[in-house]
Protein backbone atom coordinates (compact mmCIF):
# COMPACT_ATOMS: atom_id res chain seq x y z
CA MET A 1 24.72 13.84 -6.85
CA PRO A 2 25.98 16.42 -4.34
CA PHE A 3 27.51 13.88 -2.08
CA MET A 4 29.91 12.76 -4.76
CA LEU A 5 31.68 16.22 -5.07
CA VAL A 6 34.26 15.78 -2.43
CA PRO A 7 35.29 12.19 -3.40
CA ILE A 8 35.55 13.17 -7.12
CA ILE A 9 37.84 16.13 -6.22
CA LYS A 10 40.01 13.85 -4.11
CA GLU A 11 40.15 11.24 -6.90
CA ALA A 12 41.16 13.97 -9.35
CA PHE A 13 44.29 14.77 -7.31
CA GLY A 14 45.06 11.07 -6.62
CA ILE A 15 43.65 10.89 -3.09
CA THR A 16 41.93 7.50 -3.06
CA LEU A 17 39.32 6.85 -0.42
CA SER A 18 40.50 4.00 1.87
CA LYS A 19 36.91 2.95 2.75
CA PHE A 20 33.74 2.74 0.75
CA LYS A 21 31.01 4.42 2.84
CA VAL A 22 27.43 3.20 2.70
CA THR A 23 24.31 4.60 4.28
CA ASN A 24 23.93 3.51 7.87
CA LYS A 25 20.76 1.52 8.00
CA ASP A 26 20.72 0.91 11.74
CA LYS A 27 19.84 4.49 12.89
CA SER A 28 16.23 5.53 12.83
CA SER A 29 14.98 9.06 12.99
CA ARG A 30 12.11 11.06 11.61
CA ARG A 31 13.73 14.53 11.54
CA THR A 32 15.48 16.25 8.74
CA VAL A 33 19.27 15.76 8.99
CA VAL A 34 21.51 18.56 7.59
CA ASP A 35 24.95 17.35 6.88
CA ARG A 36 26.79 20.61 7.34
CA GLN A 37 30.19 19.23 6.26
CA ARG A 38 28.78 18.33 2.89
CA LEU A 39 26.98 21.61 2.66
CA ILE A 40 30.13 23.77 2.87
CA PRO A 41 31.64 23.08 -0.62
CA PHE A 42 28.30 23.98 -2.30
CA ALA A 43 27.78 27.09 -0.22
CA ILE A 44 31.23 28.29 -1.19
CA LEU A 45 30.79 27.49 -4.86
CA LEU A 46 27.33 29.20 -4.87
CA GLY A 47 28.83 32.28 -3.14
CA LEU A 48 31.61 32.50 -5.74
CA THR A 49 28.97 32.16 -8.54
CA LEU A 50 26.91 34.93 -7.07
CA ALA A 51 29.98 37.06 -6.72
CA GLY A 52 30.84 36.32 -10.41
CA ILE A 53 27.24 37.31 -11.49
CA ILE A 54 27.66 40.62 -9.64
CA ARG A 55 31.01 41.31 -11.10
CA MET A 56 29.93 40.35 -14.69
CA GLY A 57 26.78 42.47 -14.27
CA TYR A 58 28.95 45.45 -13.33
CA LEU A 59 31.38 44.90 -16.28
CA LEU A 60 28.35 44.60 -18.62
CA ILE A 61 27.21 48.07 -17.40
CA ILE A 62 30.71 49.57 -17.69
CA TRP A 63 31.97 47.93 -20.88
CA ARG A 64 28.54 47.58 -22.63
CA TYR A 65 29.97 44.31 -24.24
CA ALA A 66 27.17 41.86 -25.26
CA GLY A 67 29.63 38.94 -25.02
CA ILE A 68 29.34 39.11 -21.24
CA LEU A 69 25.79 37.93 -21.51
CA ALA A 70 26.98 34.46 -22.52
CA VAL A 71 29.08 34.36 -19.24
CA LEU A 72 26.15 35.48 -17.27
CA PHE A 73 23.84 32.94 -18.77
CA TRP A 74 26.32 30.05 -17.65
CA LEU A 75 26.72 31.66 -14.19
CA PHE A 76 22.91 31.84 -13.65
CA ARG A 77 22.68 28.20 -14.89
CA ASN A 78 25.42 27.04 -12.55
CA ALA A 79 23.80 28.92 -9.63
CA TYR A 80 20.52 27.16 -10.34
CA TYR A 81 22.12 23.75 -10.15
CA LEU A 82 24.09 24.64 -7.02
CA THR A 83 20.90 25.90 -5.32
CA MET A 84 19.24 22.60 -6.14
CA CYS A 85 22.20 20.76 -4.69
CA LEU A 86 21.83 22.73 -1.50
CA PHE A 87 18.11 21.89 -1.39
CA LEU A 88 19.03 18.21 -1.71
CA VAL A 89 21.46 18.31 1.07
CA ILE A 90 19.28 20.34 3.39
CA GLY A 91 16.17 18.42 2.64
CA ARG A 92 17.37 14.95 3.14
CA ASP A 93 15.12 13.07 5.55
CA THR A 94 16.07 10.06 7.64
CA ASP A 95 13.47 7.47 8.34
CA ASP A 96 13.23 4.10 9.97
CA GLU A 97 12.77 2.44 6.55
CA ASN A 98 15.17 2.73 3.59
CA VAL A 99 12.52 1.74 0.99
CA LYS A 100 8.74 1.93 1.26
CA VAL A 101 6.76 0.59 -1.61
CA TYR A 102 3.02 1.50 -1.66
CA VAL A 103 1.53 -1.20 -3.68
CA ALA A 104 -1.53 -3.56 -3.63
CA GLU A 105 -0.48 -7.13 -3.68
CA ILE A 106 -2.80 -10.04 -3.11
CA ILE A 107 -2.25 -11.62 0.33
CA SER A 108 -3.65 -14.23 2.71
CA ILE A 109 -3.21 -14.32 6.48
CA ILE A 110 -3.36 -17.59 8.45
CA LYS A 111 -3.75 -17.47 12.05
CA ALA A 112 -2.23 -20.03 14.53
CA ASP A 113 -5.69 -21.70 14.87
CA GLY A 114 -5.86 -22.18 11.04
CA ARG A 115 -8.37 -19.41 10.31
CA LYS A 116 -7.66 -17.64 7.12
CA SER A 117 -8.46 -14.15 5.69
CA ASP A 118 -7.66 -12.59 2.36
CA GLY A 119 -6.66 -9.10 1.64
CA VAL A 120 -4.15 -6.73 0.00
CA THR A 121 -1.02 -4.95 0.96
CA THR A 122 -1.03 -1.15 1.33
CA LYS A 123 2.79 -0.85 1.89
CA ILE A 124 5.68 -3.19 1.98
CA THR A 125 9.29 -2.76 3.22
CA GLU A 126 12.40 -4.96 3.46
CA HIS A 127 11.12 -6.50 6.67
CA SER A 128 7.42 -5.65 7.11
CA ALA A 129 4.10 -5.40 5.34
CA ASP A 130 1.01 -3.31 5.96
CA VAL A 131 -2.04 -5.30 5.04
CA PHE A 132 -5.74 -4.63 4.76
CA ILE A 133 -8.15 -7.57 5.19
CA ASP A 134 -11.89 -8.01 4.81
CA GLU A 135 -12.74 -9.08 8.31
CA LEU A 136 -13.21 -6.85 11.35
CA ASP A 137 -11.20 -7.50 14.49
CA PHE A 138 -9.56 -10.60 12.87
CA LEU A 139 -6.06 -10.11 14.44
CA THR A 140 -4.72 -8.84 17.76
CA LEU A 141 -1.57 -7.10 18.60
CA GLY A 142 1.43 -9.41 19.19
CA GLU A 143 -0.29 -12.35 17.48
CA PRO A 144 1.94 -14.67 15.28
CA VAL A 145 0.66 -15.22 11.74
CA GLU A 146 1.59 -16.69 8.36
CA LEU A 147 1.58 -14.24 5.55
CA ASN A 148 1.25 -15.53 2.00
CA ILE A 149 1.95 -12.95 -0.75
CA SER A 150 1.10 -13.77 -4.39
CA THR A 151 2.16 -11.43 -7.12
CA GLY A 152 1.65 -13.55 -10.18
CA VAL A 153 5.49 -13.88 -10.49
CA TYR A 154 6.37 -14.49 -6.87
CA ASP A 155 4.67 -16.57 -4.21
CA PHE A 156 5.90 -16.21 -0.60
CA LYS A 157 4.97 -17.95 2.57
CA LEU A 158 6.35 -15.83 5.46
CA LYS A 159 5.88 -15.86 9.19
CA GLY A 160 5.73 -12.83 11.37
CA THR A 161 3.95 -10.98 14.16
CA ILE A 162 1.42 -8.25 14.24
CA VAL A 163 3.14 -5.19 15.55
CA SER A 164 0.81 -2.40 14.76
CA ILE A 165 -2.96 -1.96 14.18
CA ARG A 166 -4.30 1.24 12.55
CA HIS A 167 -8.06 1.45 13.28
CA SER A 168 -10.41 3.08 10.71
CA TYR A 169 -12.56 6.02 11.70
CA HIS A 170 -15.52 4.00 10.65
CA GLN A 171 -16.45 1.02 12.84
CA GLU A 172 -17.57 -1.09 10.04
CA ILE A 173 -14.33 -0.68 8.02
CA PRO A 174 -11.56 -3.18 8.82
CA SER A 175 -8.22 -2.03 10.20
CA VAL A 176 -4.77 -2.00 8.64
CA TYR A 177 -2.27 -4.39 10.25
CA THR A 178 1.45 -4.14 10.21
CA VAL A 179 3.21 -7.48 10.03
CA GLU A 180 6.87 -7.69 11.05
CA ILE A 181 8.35 -10.48 9.06
CA LEU A 182 10.44 -12.77 11.21
CA ASP A 183 11.01 -15.83 8.97
CA PHE A 184 11.47 -15.51 5.22
CA ALA A 185 11.64 -19.35 4.81
CA GLY A 186 14.82 -19.05 2.79
CA GLN A 187 13.13 -16.60 0.35
CA LYS A 188 14.80 -13.35 1.56
CA ASP A 189 16.54 -12.63 -1.73
CA ALA A 190 13.50 -13.38 -3.73
CA TYR A 191 11.38 -11.02 -1.39
CA VAL A 192 13.91 -8.22 -1.79
CA HIS A 193 13.89 -8.80 -5.58
CA MET A 194 10.10 -8.57 -5.60
CA LEU A 195 10.31 -5.29 -3.64
CA TYR A 196 12.61 -3.58 -6.12
CA ASP A 197 11.42 -5.22 -9.26
CA ARG A 198 8.90 -2.60 -10.29
CA THR A 199 8.84 0.77 -12.02
CA PRO A 200 10.57 3.47 -9.93
CA THR A 201 8.39 6.00 -8.24
CA LEU A 202 10.65 8.87 -9.17
CA PRO A 203 10.21 10.76 -12.52
CA GLN A 204 11.45 8.94 -15.53
CA HIS A 205 11.48 11.78 -18.02
CA LEU A 206 11.70 15.55 -18.17
CA ARG A 207 8.83 17.70 -19.37
CA LEU A 208 9.89 20.10 -22.16
CA ARG A 209 7.76 22.90 -20.77
CA ASP A 210 9.49 22.86 -17.40
CA SER A 211 11.54 25.90 -16.66
CA TYR A 212 14.45 26.67 -14.27
CA ILE A 213 12.50 29.45 -12.41
CA GLY A 214 9.33 27.22 -12.24
CA ASN A 215 11.12 24.27 -10.81
CA LEU A 216 13.03 26.39 -8.41
CA TRP A 217 9.82 28.15 -7.18
CA LYS A 218 8.04 24.79 -6.77
CA ASN A 219 10.85 23.45 -4.78
CA PHE A 220 10.89 26.52 -2.49
CA ALA A 221 7.18 26.62 -2.19
CA ASN A 222 6.94 22.89 -1.15
CA ARG A 223 9.59 23.42 1.54
CA VAL A 224 7.76 26.38 2.98
CA ARG A 225 4.41 24.48 2.99
CA LYS A 226 6.09 21.52 4.85
CA ASN A 227 7.52 23.74 7.50
């Protein structure tokens, strides 16, 4: 990871970090955060690599020595990885949630008056759940509810409050409700385990037909499209 570069260099020279830094989970923001201090080492290394490519290209023309092609190959490869590191540092977004799992789990919502409605989750986080139920206008904003989640392996009875309602464009389609979980009933560890105990959403393998130029172009094109 790009963020490990400076600590690894310090450890190589015997400079041990006195504190173990973790991500600050209290701050919430929806804008892209560029850590310029972490960006500097990679910008310097990329600049030196590009200078090396220019120099080796010049020597290849002057000396006409085919062995320089091997050096150029590794310089281009190094430039590719450094560019990807820069993209990773520049494109790191902050958000109000550390983990968002888009998954459909069977749920039941019980109101304070005992009325019950079944549905499914559309998204769950460490302290909230977005639920879609079958009934129209079943819940109101700020209403306390009991949320039962059944996954086949886990069975939770949680208490929370409706903090958001996203209405559908069609009047006959129910809304999606966000439940802020206030009481885990002593099952917080099991709930977090359920949240993470699933196949990661990130790629699990590399495709053999992927190329450096193709991946670089896709990365650049996606960034231009988002902006």
